[in-house]
């Protein structure tokens, strides 16, 4: 995989799984009495925390697996299932409970500052996003691709911040029909990514078990 192909894969996968557009309604619902300036401040902090969490897990994921005795193919299969569940909900134009539960959203409405929890974790940097970052880091063939991954994480979190920043003044610009169509298209792409992760894991297992790949 060339560097350009890897960057396209990383940026699209991360943006689809973080899905900042689908976060907007919950973000506004949890900040009904906050001013646009307060919302922007929360969005900025949440996106910074999300970027930090994803980069840390991308870097430390391999050592965490080694400590727990988890093989990468096992994690790839588990992560692909998580991503597939998210994708299926997106195809139905629903916000997946893998991102956040209704209880977490309700708890966020009662908090004075929702920037770190639940906005940053788990709404932006949830299990799906963390799993994707670790898988992409494992697929990086060299330091150039690893550096590109960190850049993609920062870029996607920056894009998420701008989306939340615009929505801080109200989400009247969001058309429900257009948003549902966008979510379904992104869900289809994420479904393809999750299946590809599973195929890669099965190929790796086939090699490790001593059977020549077909």
Protein backbone atom coordinates (compact mmCIF):
# COMPACT_ATOMS: atom_id res chain seq x y z
CA UNK A 1 0.00 0.00 0.00
CA UNK A 2 1.43 3.35 -1.02
CA UNK A 3 1.54 6.33 1.33
CA UNK A 4 -1.28 8.11 -0.54
CA UNK A 5 -3.48 5.00 -0.40
CA UNK A 6 -2.77 4.62 3.31
CA UNK A 7 -3.64 8.28 4.01
CA UNK A 8 -6.94 7.93 2.13
CA UNK A 9 -7.77 4.74 4.03
CA UNK A 10 -6.86 6.21 7.43
CA UNK A 11 -8.60 9.56 6.99
CA UNK A 12 -11.81 8.12 5.55
CA UNK A 13 -12.01 5.28 8.11
CA UNK A 14 -11.46 7.59 11.07
CA UNK A 15 -13.91 10.24 9.84
CA UNK A 16 -16.60 7.64 9.19
CA UNK A 17 -16.25 5.94 12.57
CA UNK A 18 -15.94 9.18 14.59
CA UNK A 19 -18.92 10.53 12.62
CA UNK A 20 -19.00 14.12 13.94
CA UNK A 21 -22.14 14.98 11.95
CA UNK A 22 -24.15 12.42 13.91
CA UNK A 23 -22.74 13.86 17.15
CA UNK A 24 -24.24 17.31 16.49
CA UNK A 25 -27.83 16.60 17.69
CA UNK A 26 -26.61 15.06 20.96
CA UNK A 27 -24.08 17.87 21.42
CA UNK A 28 -26.82 20.49 21.15
CA UNK A 29 -29.22 18.48 23.32
CA UNK A 30 -26.63 18.29 26.11
CA UNK A 31 -25.91 22.03 26.03
CA UNK A 32 -29.38 23.65 25.87
CA UNK A 33 -28.53 26.57 28.18
CA UNK A 34 -24.96 27.20 27.03
CA UNK A 35 -23.98 30.12 24.84
CA UNK A 36 -22.35 29.52 21.43
CA UNK A 37 -19.00 30.61 22.94
CA UNK A 38 -19.31 28.02 25.73
CA UNK A 39 -20.25 25.33 23.24
CA UNK A 40 -17.24 26.19 21.06
CA UNK A 41 -14.94 25.99 24.09
CA UNK A 42 -16.34 22.55 24.98
CA UNK A 43 -15.99 21.36 21.38
CA UNK A 44 -12.35 22.51 21.23
CA UNK A 45 -11.44 20.70 24.46
CA UNK A 46 -13.35 17.56 23.44
CA UNK A 47 -11.60 17.32 20.07
CA UNK A 48 -8.16 17.89 21.65
CA UNK A 49 -8.82 15.14 24.20
CA UNK A 50 -10.12 12.81 21.49
CA UNK A 51 -7.01 13.32 19.36
CA UNK A 52 -4.77 12.64 22.37
CA UNK A 53 -6.64 9.48 23.33
CA UNK A 54 -6.56 8.06 19.79
CA UNK A 55 -2.86 8.79 19.33
CA UNK A 56 -1.98 7.24 22.72
CA UNK A 57 -3.94 4.07 21.97
CA UNK A 58 -2.45 3.86 18.46
CA UNK A 59 1.04 4.05 19.97
CA UNK A 60 0.45 1.82 23.02
CA UNK A 61 -2.02 -0.66 21.56
CA UNK A 62 0.66 -3.21 20.64
CA UNK A 63 2.12 -3.20 24.15
CA UNK A 64 -1.31 -3.44 25.76
CA UNK A 65 -2.06 -6.53 23.67
CA UNK A 66 1.30 -8.06 24.55
CA UNK A 67 0.67 -7.50 28.26
CA UNK A 68 -2.82 -9.03 28.06
CA UNK A 69 -1.75 -11.87 25.75
CA UNK A 70 -4.06 -10.78 22.92
CA UNK A 71 -2.98 -11.45 19.34
CA UNK A 72 -3.53 -8.86 16.64
CA UNK A 73 -5.76 -11.15 14.49
CA UNK A 74 -8.02 -11.73 17.51
CA UNK A 75 -8.28 -7.98 18.09
CA UNK A 76 -8.86 -7.33 14.38
CA UNK A 77 -11.79 -9.76 14.31
CA UNK A 78 -13.28 -8.30 17.51
CA UNK A 79 -12.82 -4.74 16.26
CA UNK A 80 -14.32 -5.56 12.87
CA UNK A 81 -17.44 -6.88 14.63
CA UNK A 82 -17.71 -3.66 16.64
CA UNK A 83 -17.32 -1.57 13.48
CA UNK A 84 -19.86 -3.73 11.67
CA UNK A 85 -22.43 -3.14 14.44
CA UNK A 86 -21.86 0.61 14.14
CA UNK A 87 -22.14 0.41 10.34
CA UNK A 88 -25.43 -1.49 10.48
CA UNK A 89 -26.92 1.16 12.77
CA UNK A 90 -25.67 3.88 10.39
CA UNK A 91 -27.31 2.11 7.44
CA UNK A 92 -30.58 2.43 9.40
CA UNK A 93 -29.75 6.13 10.02
CA UNK A 94 -29.48 5.51 13.76
CA UNK A 95 -26.86 6.71 16.23
CA UNK A 96 -25.18 3.51 17.45
CA UNK A 97 -25.09 2.70 21.18
CA UNK A 98 -21.43 1.76 20.61
CA UNK A 99 -20.75 5.50 20.44
CA UNK A 100 -22.82 6.36 23.50
CA UNK A 101 -25.89 5.02 25.28
CA UNK A 102 -29.05 7.00 25.92
CA UNK A 103 -28.12 6.96 29.61
CA UNK A 104 -24.77 8.63 28.87
CA UNK A 105 -26.48 11.27 26.75
CA UNK A 106 -29.03 11.93 29.50
CA UNK A 107 -26.24 12.18 32.08
CA UNK A 108 -24.46 14.65 29.83
CA UNK A 109 -27.52 16.90 29.84
CA UNK A 110 -27.23 17.16 33.62
CA UNK A 111 -23.52 18.07 33.63
CA UNK A 112 -22.25 21.63 33.55
CA UNK A 113 -19.32 20.68 31.28
CA UNK A 114 -19.66 17.74 28.92
CA UNK A 115 -16.39 18.30 27.02
CA UNK A 116 -14.41 15.31 28.30
CA UNK A 117 -17.26 12.95 29.16
CA UNK A 118 -19.37 12.06 27.34
CA UNK A 119 -18.48 14.28 24.34
CA UNK A 120 -14.79 13.37 23.94
CA UNK A 121 -15.17 9.88 25.41
CA UNK A 122 -17.11 7.92 24.24
CA UNK A 123 -18.99 10.01 21.67
CA UNK A 124 -15.94 10.98 19.58
CA UNK A 125 -13.15 8.68 20.78
CA UNK A 126 -15.26 5.63 21.48
CA UNK A 127 -14.45 1.91 21.21
CA UNK A 128 -14.90 1.95 17.44
CA UNK A 129 -12.56 4.90 16.89
CA UNK A 130 -9.94 3.50 19.29
CA UNK A 131 -10.11 0.10 17.58
CA UNK A 132 -9.74 1.72 14.17
CA UNK A 133 -6.71 3.74 15.28
CA UNK A 134 -4.99 0.62 16.64
CA UNK A 135 -5.75 -1.42 13.52
CA UNK A 136 -4.49 1.32 11.22
CA UNK A 137 -1.31 1.66 13.27
CA UNK A 138 -0.75 -2.09 12.93
CA UNK A 139 -1.21 -1.86 9.14
CA UNK A 140 1.37 0.94 8.83
CA UNK A 141 4.37 -0.45 6.97
CA UNK A 142 6.90 2.22 8.00
CA UNK A 143 7.41 5.40 10.01
CA UNK A 144 6.10 7.54 7.16
CA UNK A 145 2.74 5.79 7.31
CA UNK A 146 2.68 5.92 11.12
CA UNK A 147 3.36 9.66 10.98
CA UNK A 148 0.61 9.99 8.37
CA UNK A 149 -1.78 8.19 10.74
CA UNK A 150 -1.09 10.68 13.55
CA UNK A 151 -1.62 13.50 11.06
CA UNK A 152 -4.92 11.94 9.92
CA UNK A 153 -6.09 11.67 13.52
CA UNK A 154 -5.32 15.34 14.10
CA UNK A 155 -6.95 16.32 10.80
CA UNK A 156 -10.16 14.37 11.48
CA UNK A 157 -10.40 15.78 15.01
CA UNK A 158 -9.85 19.27 13.57
CA UNK A 159 -12.65 18.67 11.05
CA UNK A 160 -14.85 17.45 13.92
CA UNK A 161 -14.11 20.65 15.82
CA UNK A 162 -15.12 22.84 12.87
CA UNK A 163 -18.37 20.88 12.45
CA UNK A 164 -19.20 21.24 16.15
CA UNK A 165 -18.13 24.89 16.05
CA UNK A 166 -20.55 25.65 13.23
CA UNK A 167 -23.33 23.73 14.99
CA UNK A 168 -22.73 25.71 18.21
CA UNK A 169 -24.83 28.52 16.72
CA UNK A 170 -27.66 26.12 15.95
CA UNK A 171 -28.20 23.23 13.55
CA UNK A 172 -30.89 24.75 11.34
CA UNK A 173 -28.52 24.26 8.39
CA UNK A 174 -28.77 20.48 8.82
CA UNK A 175 -31.41 18.94 6.58
CA UNK A 176 -32.74 15.70 8.16
CA UNK A 177 -33.08 14.06 4.74
CA UNK A 178 -29.56 15.02 3.64
CA UNK A 179 -28.13 13.99 7.00
CA UNK A 180 -29.83 10.55 6.90
CA UNK A 181 -28.58 10.01 3.34
CA UNK A 182 -25.04 10.98 4.34
CA UNK A 183 -25.13 8.70 7.39
CA UNK A 184 -26.30 5.75 5.27
CA UNK A 185 -23.55 6.27 2.69
CA UNK A 186 -20.93 6.53 5.45
CA UNK A 187 -22.40 3.39 7.04
CA UNK A 188 -21.96 1.47 3.79
CA UNK A 189 -18.32 2.60 3.57
CA UNK A 190 -17.71 1.64 7.20
CA UNK A 191 -19.32 -1.76 6.60
CA UNK A 192 -16.84 -2.36 3.77
CA UNK A 193 -13.92 -1.27 5.97
CA UNK A 194 -15.00 -3.60 8.80
CA UNK A 195 -15.30 -6.59 6.44
CA UNK A 196 -11.85 -5.80 4.99
CA UNK A 197 -10.36 -5.76 8.51
CA UNK A 198 -11.89 -9.19 9.15
CA UNK A 199 -10.57 -10.56 5.83
CA UNK A 200 -7.07 -9.27 6.69
CA UNK A 201 -7.26 -10.98 10.11
CA UNK A 202 -8.34 -14.30 8.58
CA UNK A 203 -5.52 -14.12 6.03
CA UNK A 204 -3.02 -13.51 8.83
CA UNK A 205 -4.40 -16.44 10.83
CA UNK A 206 -4.21 -18.66 7.75
CA UNK A 207 -0.53 -17.78 7.36
CA UNK A 208 0.26 -18.29 11.05
CA UNK A 209 -1.42 -21.71 11.03
CA UNK A 210 0.98 -22.82 8.31
CA UNK A 211 -1.43 -22.90 5.39
CA UNK A 212 -0.19 -21.04 2.31
CA UNK A 213 -2.51 -18.16 1.47
CA UNK A 214 -4.80 -18.87 -1.44
